Amino acid sequence: MYLYIHLNNDLISRNDNKGGCVNDVTFAVPDGARVSAGEQVAWNGDSGDANGNPHLHFEVHPNGGADVSPFKHLRRASRPLFAAKSGSPFSLGLGGKLVAAGAGSITLEVERVRQYPGGRWLEIEPPTLELTVPPEAAIAPSIGQITGPALRAFRTPVPVAAYTVKAKTTTDAIIGSAGALQLSRAAPLP
């Protein structure tokens, strides 16, 4: 059992404490719901005795028993690339190393990510992502040949900045599932 405490209880951007504990103000899924990695479950806030100090109090209770340190559970968890409401528009900037290409896809070891609109570059634990490459993707010639009938690994990974096609947010996009992101353009990094 997982507990998320001190969630949002405000109806406006300031601390008004008028929202209560209701769907689409505090939580996005009901108690007991089965959720997927990357799915939004609630909104961070300052309810209860955290008034004026927004943060998440997270607890893990194995088999509904006493709480334990959540650290080992968080280390095993899938890490999202970005946070967004399902169905909202997004695109990503991905900085990292191009490690393989071909068969209509590229494989990147991502070191930082930027979400559009409005995000900033964030350093992340490097996941390896597979992006689909549509024919209209703009690939800088200096990256080298990335098309071909089969996926091939590069002897020396190529540092790149890659940008995804604008799309609607899905859980698969949030966690970077293979093929969930499409490449719009890529250029080498110095």
Protein backbone atom coordinates (compact mmCIF):
# COMPACT_ATOMS: atom_id res chain seq x y z
CA MET A 1 0.00 0.00 0.00
CA TYR A 2 1.29 3.47 -0.91
CA LEU A 3 0.26 6.70 0.84
CA TYR A 4 0.60 10.14 -0.72
CA ILE A 5 0.07 12.80 1.97
CA HIS A 6 -0.10 16.64 1.94
CA LEU A 7 -1.65 16.78 -1.52
CA ASN A 8 -3.19 19.86 -3.14
CA ASN A 9 -6.27 21.40 -1.50
CA ASP A 10 -6.26 24.79 -3.27
CA LEU A 11 -8.65 25.99 -5.98
CA ILE A 12 -6.36 28.81 -7.15
CA SER A 13 -2.60 29.14 -7.62
CA ARG A 14 -2.28 30.72 -4.16
CA ASN A 15 -2.79 28.89 -0.86
CA ASP A 16 -6.56 29.18 -0.30
CA ASN A 17 -7.29 25.74 1.31
CA LYS A 18 -10.74 25.70 -0.37
CA GLY A 19 -10.40 22.68 -2.64
CA GLY A 20 -10.91 19.87 -0.19
CA CYS A 21 -9.93 16.31 -0.99
CA VAL A 22 -11.70 15.77 -4.30
CA ASN A 23 -11.06 14.36 -7.77
CA ASP A 24 -9.21 16.72 -10.15
CA VAL A 25 -8.13 18.99 -7.27
CA THR A 26 -6.30 16.57 -4.99
CA PHE A 27 -6.23 13.21 -6.75
CA ALA A 28 -6.51 11.95 -10.32
CA VAL A 29 -7.44 8.33 -9.53
CA PRO A 30 -9.65 6.90 -6.78
CA ASP A 31 -8.32 5.02 -3.72
CA GLY A 32 -7.41 1.45 -4.62
CA ALA A 33 -7.05 2.13 -8.37
CA ARG A 34 -4.53 0.10 -10.35
CA VAL A 35 -2.15 2.50 -12.10
CA SER A 36 0.65 2.24 -14.62
CA ALA A 37 4.16 3.65 -14.34
CA GLY A 38 4.06 7.31 -15.33
CA GLU A 39 0.32 7.74 -14.74
CA GLN A 40 -0.58 10.79 -12.68
CA VAL A 41 -2.19 9.86 -9.37
CA ALA A 42 -2.42 13.22 -7.57
CA TRP A 43 -1.29 16.85 -7.34
CA ASN A 44 1.44 17.95 -4.92
CA GLY A 45 0.35 20.45 -2.30
CA ASP A 46 0.31 21.55 1.33
CA SER A 47 -2.82 20.05 2.89
CA GLY A 48 -3.13 19.14 6.55
CA ASP A 49 -0.34 20.22 8.89
CA ALA A 50 1.88 21.11 5.89
CA ASN A 51 -0.09 24.32 5.24
CA GLY A 52 2.21 26.80 3.48
CA ASN A 53 4.95 24.17 2.94
CA PRO A 54 4.10 22.15 -0.21
CA HIS A 55 5.80 18.77 -0.39
CA LEU A 56 4.99 15.10 -0.86
CA HIS A 57 4.96 12.81 2.17
CA PHE A 58 5.24 9.33 0.62
CA GLU A 59 4.88 6.10 2.59
CA VAL A 60 5.10 2.42 1.66
CA HIS A 61 3.21 -0.15 3.77
CA PRO A 62 3.97 -3.72 2.54
CA ASN A 63 0.82 -5.85 2.68
CA GLY A 64 -0.96 -2.99 4.49
CA GLY A 65 1.34 -3.33 7.52
CA ALA A 66 3.77 -0.93 9.16
CA ASP A 67 5.55 1.67 7.04
CA VAL A 68 9.05 0.97 5.73
CA SER A 69 11.64 3.15 4.04
CA PRO A 70 10.42 3.79 0.47
CA PHE A 71 13.99 4.10 -0.86
CA LYS A 72 14.38 0.57 -2.28
CA HIS A 73 10.94 0.79 -3.91
CA LEU A 74 11.74 4.15 -5.51
CA ARG A 75 15.10 2.83 -6.83
CA ARG A 76 13.24 0.03 -8.69
CA ALA A 77 10.50 2.27 -10.05
CA SER A 78 10.19 3.37 -13.66
CA ARG A 79 11.33 6.96 -14.00
CA PRO A 80 9.24 9.25 -16.14
CA LEU A 81 10.91 11.48 -18.73
CA PHE A 82 8.46 14.30 -18.06
CA ALA A 83 5.22 15.10 -16.26
CA ALA A 84 2.06 16.12 -18.10
CA LYS A 85 -1.65 15.47 -18.00
CA SER A 86 -2.78 12.68 -20.32
CA GLY A 87 -3.92 14.10 -23.66
CA SER A 88 -2.10 17.42 -23.29
CA PRO A 89 0.29 18.48 -26.11
CA PHE A 90 4.04 18.09 -25.60
CA SER A 91 7.34 17.74 -27.37
CA LEU A 92 10.74 16.96 -25.90
CA GLY A 93 14.31 18.01 -26.33
CA LEU A 94 16.67 15.10 -25.58
CA GLY A 95 20.39 15.51 -25.06
CA GLY A 96 22.59 12.46 -25.03
CA LYS A 97 24.37 9.94 -27.21
CA LEU A 98 23.13 8.32 -30.39
CA VAL A 99 24.14 4.67 -29.95
CA ALA A 100 22.27 2.89 -32.77
CA ALA A 101 20.19 3.67 -35.86
CA GLY A 102 18.39 2.02 -38.74
CA ALA A 103 15.14 0.20 -39.56
CA GLY A 104 13.17 3.41 -39.03
CA SER A 105 14.40 4.10 -35.51
CA ILE A 106 17.24 5.50 -33.46
CA THR A 107 18.46 4.54 -30.00
CA LEU A 108 19.59 7.29 -27.63
CA GLU A 109 21.23 7.20 -24.22
CA VAL A 110 19.48 10.26 -22.80
CA GLU A 111 21.35 12.40 -20.25
CA ARG A 112 19.03 15.40 -20.11
CA VAL A 113 15.51 16.26 -21.17
CA ARG A 114 13.49 19.40 -21.78
CA GLN A 115 9.72 19.41 -22.06
CA TYR A 116 7.92 21.87 -24.30
CA PRO A 117 6.00 24.01 -23.66
CA GLY A 118 7.65 25.73 -20.75
CA GLY A 119 10.21 23.26 -19.47
CA ARG A 120 13.89 23.64 -18.73
CA TRP A 121 16.76 21.23 -19.29
CA LEU A 122 16.91 18.62 -16.51
CA GLU A 123 19.72 16.15 -15.92
CA ILE A 124 18.29 12.63 -15.58
CA GLU A 125 19.55 9.13 -14.84
CA PRO A 126 20.38 7.96 -18.37
CA PRO A 127 17.64 5.79 -19.84
CA THR A 128 18.07 4.25 -23.27
CA LEU A 129 15.20 5.26 -25.56
CA GLU A 130 14.12 4.03 -28.98
CA LEU A 131 12.54 6.74 -31.13
CA THR A 132 10.71 6.20 -34.41
CA VAL A 133 12.21 8.14 -37.35
CA PRO A 134 9.57 9.27 -39.86
CA PRO A 135 10.75 10.06 -43.43
CA GLU A 136 10.28 13.81 -42.87
CA ALA A 137 12.64 13.96 -39.84
CA ALA A 138 15.44 16.51 -40.25
CA ILE A 139 18.78 14.84 -39.55
CA ALA A 140 22.00 16.88 -39.71
CA PRO A 141 24.32 15.33 -42.34
CA SER A 142 27.27 15.52 -39.93
CA ILE A 143 25.62 12.87 -37.71
CA GLY A 144 26.19 10.33 -40.44
CA GLN A 145 23.96 7.76 -42.06
CA ILE A 146 21.17 6.71 -39.72
CA THR A 147 18.91 4.94 -42.18
CA GLY A 148 19.21 1.39 -43.33
CA PRO A 149 17.31 -1.90 -43.32
CA ALA A 150 18.61 -3.02 -39.91
CA LEU A 151 19.31 -1.38 -36.59
CA ARG A 152 23.09 -1.04 -36.22
CA ALA A 153 25.12 0.04 -33.21
CA PHE A 154 27.74 2.76 -33.58
CA ARG A 155 31.32 1.96 -32.55
CA THR A 156 31.55 5.43 -31.05
CA PRO A 157 28.31 6.97 -29.77
CA VAL A 158 27.54 10.38 -31.30
CA PRO A 159 26.63 13.25 -28.91
CA VAL A 160 23.34 14.72 -30.20
CA ALA A 161 20.44 16.99 -29.42
CA ALA A 162 17.23 15.34 -30.59
CA TYR A 163 13.74 16.81 -30.64
CA THR A 164 10.46 14.91 -30.79
CA VAL A 165 7.39 15.56 -32.92
CA LYS A 166 4.64 17.45 -31.08
CA ALA A 167 2.12 14.89 -29.84
CA LYS A 168 -0.56 14.22 -27.23
CA THR A 169 0.70 12.94 -23.87
CA THR A 170 0.28 9.22 -23.19
CA THR A 171 1.58 7.04 -20.38
CA ASP A 172 3.90 5.32 -22.91
CA ALA A 173 5.35 8.71 -23.94
CA ILE A 174 5.87 9.76 -20.31
CA ILE A 175 7.96 6.66 -19.57
CA GLY A 176 9.62 6.58 -23.01
CA SER A 177 8.29 3.21 -24.20
CA ALA A 178 9.86 1.97 -27.45
CA GLY A 179 8.22 3.67 -30.42
CA ALA A 180 6.11 6.07 -28.29
CA LEU A 181 8.22 9.08 -29.33
CA GLN A 182 8.87 10.23 -32.91
CA LEU A 183 11.99 12.10 -33.95
CA SER A 184 11.43 15.53 -35.51
CA ARG A 185 15.05 16.63 -35.87
CA ALA A 186 18.53 15.81 -34.62
CA ALA A 187 21.84 17.66 -34.67
CA PRO A 188 25.31 16.85 -33.32
CA LEU A 189 26.54 18.42 -30.10
CA PRO A 190 30.07 19.84 -29.97
